[in-house]
Amino acid sequence: MKKILVTVLAGSVLLNAQVIPGINSKGGAMTLPEGKVKMGIKHIYLKRDSMFDGTKEVTNKEHLDATANITLLALRYGVSKNFEIRVVMPYKHIEATAKLGPNDVAIDNSGIGDIVVMGRYVVLPMQDYGFQLSAGAGVKLPTGSTDSGFKTAPPFALNENTPMPTQMGTGAAEYKAELGVSKLINNSMRVDFHTMYTYRPLAEHDYDFGNELSYDLSFTSAVTKNINLGVEYNGKYNSETDMGDDTNPILRSKLPFKAFSGTVGYITPEIEFLPFDKPKLHMGVGVAFLAHYNLKEYQPLEKQRFIFRIGYLF
């Protein structure tokens, strides 16, 4: 009898708990109720001091040691029952050192990046289908600086135009389309899938950042009324970058600073804390571990990403 009572009480706690979407899932397909506003802040720290090519880790010949701190401020607003808009503003701080030929290169750039504006519409609502399907579109605005601290190739390159992707913005608009699916299970678990395609024209200085397809699958569960645990798979594919006739291919192959191109995937365990038993305020942390990669050229990757998130529903 005592065992049955404990089981019932535990089940009651789970059913009354609130399940927060995964830390990288972008909410799957969920939208805010009409008139509601949510603010979120997510901070990402990563370190790149390892080089990769294809499916192998290779020697870091230039002794690249780079770190990035990226803070994202996101605002979401429920325009109607089935439609929301969101705005994401990044602030970036990038530091890096490397030895390129006889030259030591040091980079220390910081500032506001390119702001993203998206709209999301519920195509198949949860209450009618048992799951929710949403579609959205948006644009990344060229608000970040492309000049301050922007670095080109080192002096030994003999004035070859080989810029490095260390500026705060791209200097050109990018266009995005998204699709999300969410499923709630017994009010204590949820599954979210989200994918986004980004079309990127040539950026300022004719830099090609490559088109991108990202995909995130997350599972989260309320283990108590205050704690959610979750795990995600976060992957992306970027097309091969092309710098055109202005770039010396031999020089380019030696530079450690490159825009990502290829396929990469991370596994991200995470924990979320709801101090007031409701999702009005929630705080979460996650660590993303490199799971697989297949890169189109010699370039750096981070082996771990550390993520902190806080959200508040007004």
Protein backbone atom coordinates (compact mmCIF):
# COMPACT_ATOMS: atom_id res chain seq x y z
CA MET A 1 0.00 0.00 0.00
CA LYS A 2 2.83 2.40 0.92
CA LYS A 3 4.58 1.62 -2.37
CA ILE A 4 1.38 2.32 -4.32
CA LEU A 5 0.91 5.65 -2.51
CA VAL A 6 4.47 6.75 -3.31
CA THR A 7 3.93 5.85 -6.97
CA VAL A 8 0.67 7.80 -7.14
CA LEU A 9 2.23 10.86 -5.48
CA ALA A 10 5.21 10.74 -7.83
CA GLY A 11 2.89 10.51 -10.82
CA SER A 12 0.90 13.47 -9.54
CA VAL A 13 4.06 15.58 -9.28
CA LEU A 14 5.02 14.73 -12.85
CA LEU A 15 1.57 15.48 -14.24
CA ASN A 16 1.55 18.87 -12.56
CA ALA A 17 5.06 19.79 -13.69
CA GLN A 18 5.81 22.10 -16.61
CA VAL A 19 8.13 20.84 -19.34
CA ILE A 20 10.47 23.41 -20.92
CA PRO A 21 11.66 22.89 -24.53
CA GLY A 22 15.29 21.93 -25.09
CA ILE A 23 17.95 24.60 -24.70
CA ASN A 24 18.78 24.60 -28.45
CA SER A 25 15.47 23.42 -29.88
CA LYS A 26 14.09 26.92 -30.68
CA GLY A 27 10.80 25.78 -29.13
CA GLY A 28 10.11 23.16 -31.78
CA ALA A 29 6.68 24.12 -33.14
CA MET A 30 5.31 25.94 -30.10
CA THR A 31 4.08 29.55 -30.16
CA LEU A 32 3.10 31.97 -27.40
CA PRO A 33 -0.57 32.61 -26.56
CA GLU A 34 -2.05 35.78 -28.01
CA GLY A 35 -0.81 38.91 -26.23
CA LYS A 36 1.92 37.13 -24.26
CA VAL A 37 5.57 38.26 -24.26
CA LYS A 38 8.62 36.18 -23.39
CA MET A 39 12.20 37.34 -22.94
CA GLY A 40 15.10 34.94 -23.05
CA ILE A 41 18.86 35.31 -22.67
CA LYS A 42 21.20 32.55 -23.82
CA HIS A 43 24.98 32.65 -23.40
CA ILE A 44 27.27 30.33 -25.35
CA TYR A 45 30.97 29.81 -24.63
CA LEU A 46 33.22 27.84 -26.96
CA LYS A 47 36.92 27.31 -27.48
CA ARG A 48 38.57 26.32 -30.75
CA ASP A 49 42.14 25.06 -30.42
CA SER A 50 41.81 21.88 -32.49
CA MET A 51 41.86 21.53 -36.28
CA PHE A 52 39.97 19.04 -38.43
CA ASP A 53 39.81 17.99 -42.07
CA GLY A 54 37.26 15.59 -43.52
CA THR A 55 36.53 13.04 -40.79
CA LYS A 56 39.85 13.34 -38.94
CA GLU A 57 41.41 15.61 -36.34
CA VAL A 58 44.72 16.92 -37.71
CA THR A 59 47.68 18.86 -36.40
CA ASN A 60 47.00 22.44 -35.35
CA LYS A 61 49.91 23.73 -37.43
CA GLU A 62 49.21 27.42 -36.78
CA HIS A 63 48.70 26.94 -33.02
CA LEU A 64 45.26 28.50 -33.29
CA ASP A 65 43.77 29.32 -29.89
CA ALA A 66 40.35 30.96 -30.28
CA THR A 67 37.47 31.58 -27.87
CA ALA A 68 34.03 33.03 -28.45
CA ASN A 69 31.46 34.34 -25.98
CA ILE A 70 28.07 34.86 -27.63
CA THR A 71 25.08 36.30 -25.78
CA LEU A 72 21.67 36.12 -27.46
CA LEU A 73 18.78 38.33 -26.32
CA ALA A 74 15.47 37.00 -27.66
CA LEU A 75 12.00 38.55 -27.50
CA ARG A 76 8.87 36.65 -28.54
CA TYR A 77 5.34 38.01 -28.88
CA GLY A 78 2.08 36.14 -29.50
CA VAL A 79 0.38 38.17 -32.22
CA SER A 80 -2.64 35.86 -32.45
CA LYS A 81 -3.74 32.40 -31.40
CA ASN A 82 -1.58 30.70 -34.03
CA PHE A 83 1.07 33.27 -34.92
CA GLU A 84 4.07 34.74 -33.14
CA ILE A 85 7.04 36.92 -34.00
CA ARG A 86 10.49 36.81 -32.44
CA VAL A 87 13.56 39.01 -32.56
CA VAL A 88 17.04 37.76 -31.64
CA MET A 89 19.94 40.16 -31.07
CA PRO A 90 23.45 38.69 -30.58
CA TYR A 91 26.44 40.23 -28.85
CA LYS A 92 29.76 38.59 -29.69
CA HIS A 93 33.26 38.66 -28.25
CA ILE A 94 35.84 36.79 -30.32
CA GLU A 95 39.48 36.38 -29.28
CA ALA A 96 42.09 34.41 -31.19
CA THR A 97 45.83 34.01 -31.59
CA ALA A 98 47.68 32.10 -34.30
CA LYS A 99 51.08 31.91 -35.95
CA LEU A 100 50.87 32.42 -39.70
CA GLY A 101 54.28 32.00 -41.29
CA PRO A 102 56.67 34.41 -39.53
CA ASN A 103 53.79 36.49 -38.18
CA ASP A 104 51.90 36.24 -34.89
CA VAL A 105 48.25 37.21 -35.42
CA ALA A 106 46.01 38.37 -32.57
CA ILE A 107 42.30 39.14 -32.92
CA ASP A 108 40.05 40.70 -30.29
CA ASN A 109 36.70 41.73 -31.77
CA SER A 110 33.44 42.45 -29.94
CA GLY A 111 30.11 44.07 -30.67
CA ILE A 112 26.49 43.58 -31.67
CA GLY A 113 25.99 41.06 -34.44
CA ASP A 114 23.30 40.68 -37.08
CA ILE A 115 19.71 40.83 -35.73
CA VAL A 116 17.26 38.09 -36.77
CA VAL A 117 13.50 38.71 -37.19
CA MET A 118 11.24 35.65 -37.62
CA GLY A 119 7.54 34.88 -37.82
CA ARG A 120 6.04 31.47 -36.95
CA TYR A 121 2.56 30.15 -37.81
CA VAL A 122 0.85 27.02 -36.42
CA VAL A 123 -0.23 24.85 -39.36
CA LEU A 124 -1.52 21.85 -37.35
CA PRO A 125 -2.51 22.71 -33.75
CA MET A 126 -1.88 20.38 -30.81
CA GLN A 127 -5.49 20.24 -29.64
CA ASP A 128 -6.69 18.89 -33.00
CA TYR A 129 -3.90 16.50 -33.96
CA GLY A 130 -2.12 15.45 -30.75
CA PHE A 131 1.05 17.09 -32.01
CA GLN A 132 1.86 20.54 -33.37
CA LEU A 133 3.35 21.52 -36.71
CA SER A 134 4.54 25.07 -37.40
CA ALA A 135 6.23 26.85 -40.26
CA GLY A 136 8.05 30.16 -40.29
CA ALA A 137 10.21 32.56 -42.25
CA GLY A 138 12.40 35.53 -41.52
CA VAL A 139 15.46 37.58 -42.31
CA LYS A 140 18.82 38.28 -40.70
CA LEU A 141 19.50 42.00 -40.94
CA PRO A 142 23.05 43.29 -41.61
CA THR A 143 23.31 45.22 -38.33
CA GLY A 144 26.71 43.91 -37.22
CA SER A 145 29.95 45.69 -38.04
CA THR A 146 32.05 44.40 -40.94
CA ASP A 147 34.85 46.96 -40.69
CA SER A 148 35.99 47.44 -37.09
CA GLY A 149 38.72 44.92 -36.38
CA PHE A 150 38.13 43.07 -39.64
CA LYS A 151 41.27 41.19 -40.59
CA THR A 152 42.55 40.22 -44.01
CA ALA A 153 45.37 37.84 -44.79
CA PRO A 154 48.78 38.42 -43.11
CA PRO A 155 51.55 40.43 -44.83
CA PHE A 156 53.32 37.38 -46.25
CA ALA A 157 50.22 36.80 -48.44
CA LEU A 158 51.45 39.65 -50.72
CA ASN A 159 48.12 41.50 -50.65
CA GLU A 160 46.01 38.51 -51.59
CA ASN A 161 42.35 39.15 -50.67
CA THR A 162 41.69 36.37 -48.16
CA PRO A 163 39.50 37.84 -45.41
CA MET A 164 38.79 36.00 -42.16
CA PRO A 165 35.27 35.50 -40.73
CA THR A 166 35.94 37.32 -37.47
CA GLN A 167 33.82 40.43 -38.00
CA MET A 168 30.58 40.94 -36.08
CA GLY A 169 28.27 40.82 -39.10
CA THR A 170 28.23 39.73 -42.72
CA GLY A 171 27.14 43.05 -44.24
CA ALA A 172 24.35 41.39 -46.24
CA ALA A 173 20.81 40.20 -45.53
CA GLU A 174 20.22 36.46 -45.12
CA TYR A 175 16.88 34.70 -45.60
CA LYS A 176 15.51 31.95 -43.38
CA ALA A 177 12.75 29.32 -43.48
CA GLU A 178 11.89 27.01 -40.59
CA LEU A 179 9.74 23.99 -39.78
CA GLY A 180 8.99 22.65 -36.30
CA VAL A 181 7.18 19.69 -34.72
CA SER A 182 6.31 19.28 -31.03
CA LYS A 183 4.67 16.43 -29.13
CA LEU A 184 3.68 16.38 -25.43
CA ILE A 185 3.58 13.02 -23.63
CA ASN A 186 1.50 12.76 -20.43
CA ASN A 187 2.20 16.44 -19.64
CA SER A 188 5.56 15.40 -18.17
CA MET A 189 7.62 14.79 -21.32
CA ARG A 190 8.00 16.48 -24.66
CA VAL A 191 9.74 15.90 -27.98
CA ASP A 192 10.68 18.84 -30.21
CA PHE A 193 12.11 18.82 -33.71
CA HIS A 194 13.21 21.97 -35.51
CA THR A 195 14.95 22.59 -38.80
CA MET A 196 15.96 25.85 -40.45
CA TYR A 197 17.39 26.68 -43.87
CA THR A 198 19.42 29.87 -44.30
CA TYR A 199 20.20 31.30 -47.72
CA ARG A 200 23.31 33.48 -47.64
CA PRO A 201 24.31 35.71 -50.56
CA LEU A 202 27.93 36.83 -50.73
CA ALA A 203 28.74 38.95 -47.69
CA GLU A 204 30.73 42.16 -47.40
CA HIS A 205 34.28 41.83 -48.80
CA ASP A 206 32.87 39.09 -51.12
CA TYR A 207 33.07 36.59 -48.28
CA ASP A 208 31.00 33.43 -48.75
CA PHE A 209 29.65 32.01 -45.49
CA GLY A 210 27.78 29.17 -47.24
CA ASN A 211 24.11 28.28 -47.10
CA GLU A 212 23.10 26.37 -43.97
CA LEU A 213 20.64 23.65 -42.99
CA SER A 214 20.36 23.14 -39.21
CA TYR A 215 18.35 20.43 -37.43
CA ASP A 216 17.69 19.91 -33.72
CA LEU A 217 15.91 17.02 -32.00
CA SER A 218 15.32 17.27 -28.25
CA PHE A 219 13.70 15.17 -25.54
CA THR A 220 12.93 16.76 -22.14
CA SER A 221 11.22 15.34 -19.08
CA ALA A 222 10.01 16.79 -15.78
CA VAL A 223 11.61 14.67 -13.05
CA THR A 224 10.18 16.88 -10.28
CA LYS A 225 7.98 19.98 -10.28
CA ASN A 226 11.15 22.13 -10.22
CA ILE A 227 13.60 20.14 -12.38
CA ASN A 228 13.58 19.19 -16.07
CA LEU A 229 16.23 16.93 -17.59
CA GLY A 230 16.84 16.67 -21.29
CA VAL A 231 19.09 15.55 -24.11
CA GLU A 232 19.37 16.90 -27.65
CA TYR A 233 20.98 16.16 -30.96
CA ASN A 234 22.09 19.37 -32.69
CA GLY A 235 23.35 19.13 -36.25
CA LYS A 236 23.98 21.33 -39.26
CA TYR A 237 25.20 21.22 -42.82
CA ASN A 238 26.88 24.19 -44.54
CA SER A 239 27.62 24.27 -48.24
CA GLU A 240 31.18 24.65 -49.44
CA THR A 241 32.40 28.24 -49.35
CA ASP A 242 33.75 29.86 -52.50
CA MET A 243 35.92 32.98 -52.42
CA GLY A 244 36.13 33.28 -56.20
CA ASP A 245 39.10 34.53 -58.19
CA ASP A 246 40.36 36.89 -55.47
CA THR A 247 41.65 34.09 -53.26
CA ASN A 248 44.85 32.13 -53.55
CA PRO A 249 43.76 28.49 -52.97
CA ILE A 250 47.17 27.48 -51.57
CA LEU A 251 47.11 30.34 -49.09
CA ARG A 252 43.50 29.64 -48.17
CA SER A 253 44.31 26.02 -47.37
CA LYS A 254 46.82 27.20 -44.75
CA LEU A 255 44.64 29.74 -42.94
CA PRO A 256 42.96 28.43 -39.77
CA PHE A 257 40.24 31.15 -39.79
CA LYS A 258 37.42 29.92 -42.00
CA ALA A 259 33.66 29.95 -42.17
CA PHE A 260 32.28 26.50 -41.37
CA SER A 261 31.59 24.15 -44.29
CA GLY A 262 30.55 20.51 -44.05
CA THR A 263 28.50 18.49 -41.59
CA VAL A 264 28.73 18.43 -37.80
CA GLY A 265 26.63 17.04 -34.94
CA TYR A 266 26.60 17.51 -31.15
CA ILE A 267 24.92 15.65 -28.28
CA THR A 268 23.72 18.06 -25.57
CA PRO A 269 22.62 16.87 -22.11
CA GLU A 270 20.96 19.62 -20.06
CA ILE A 271 19.12 20.52 -16.88
CA GLU A 272 16.43 23.16 -16.33
CA PHE A 273 15.36 24.71 -13.01
CA LEU A 274 11.86 26.15 -12.44
CA PRO A 275 12.10 27.94 -9.07
CA PHE A 276 8.36 28.66 -8.79
CA ASP A 277 7.03 25.33 -10.14
CA LYS A 278 5.87 27.12 -13.30
CA PRO A 279 7.60 28.11 -16.56
CA LYS A 280 7.17 31.84 -15.85
CA LEU A 281 10.84 31.85 -14.84
CA HIS A 282 13.27 29.10 -15.81
CA MET A 283 17.05 28.71 -15.87
CA GLY A 284 18.99 26.02 -17.66
CA VAL A 285 22.50 24.82 -18.46
CA GLY A 286 23.76 22.41 -21.08
CA VAL A 287 27.03 21.09 -22.46
CA ALA A 288 27.25 20.13 -26.13
CA PHE A 289 29.77 17.40 -26.99
CA LEU A 290 31.12 16.90 -30.52
CA ALA A 291 29.63 13.63 -31.80
CA HIS A 292 30.53 13.48 -35.51
CA TYR A 293 31.85 15.65 -38.33
CA ASN A 294 32.72 15.58 -42.02
CA LEU A 295 34.31 18.85 -43.11
CA LYS A 296 34.88 20.15 -46.61
CA GLU A 297 38.30 21.67 -45.84
CA TYR A 298 40.90 22.20 -43.11
CA GLN A 299 39.21 24.23 -40.36
CA PRO A 300 38.68 24.50 -36.58
CA LEU A 301 35.84 23.06 -34.49
CA GLU A 302 34.99 23.26 -30.83
CA LYS A 303 34.86 19.92 -29.00
CA GLN A 304 32.47 21.27 -26.36
CA ARG A 305 30.03 24.15 -26.10
CA PHE A 306 28.81 25.47 -22.75
CA ILE A 307 25.32 26.99 -22.76
CA PHE A 308 23.38 28.93 -20.12
CA ARG A 309 19.77 30.06 -20.61
CA ILE A 310 17.27 32.09 -18.60
CA GLY A 311 13.69 32.80 -19.69
CA TYR A 312 10.88 34.95 -18.29
CA LEU A 313 7.24 34.96 -19.40
CA PHE A 314 5.49 38.29 -18.88
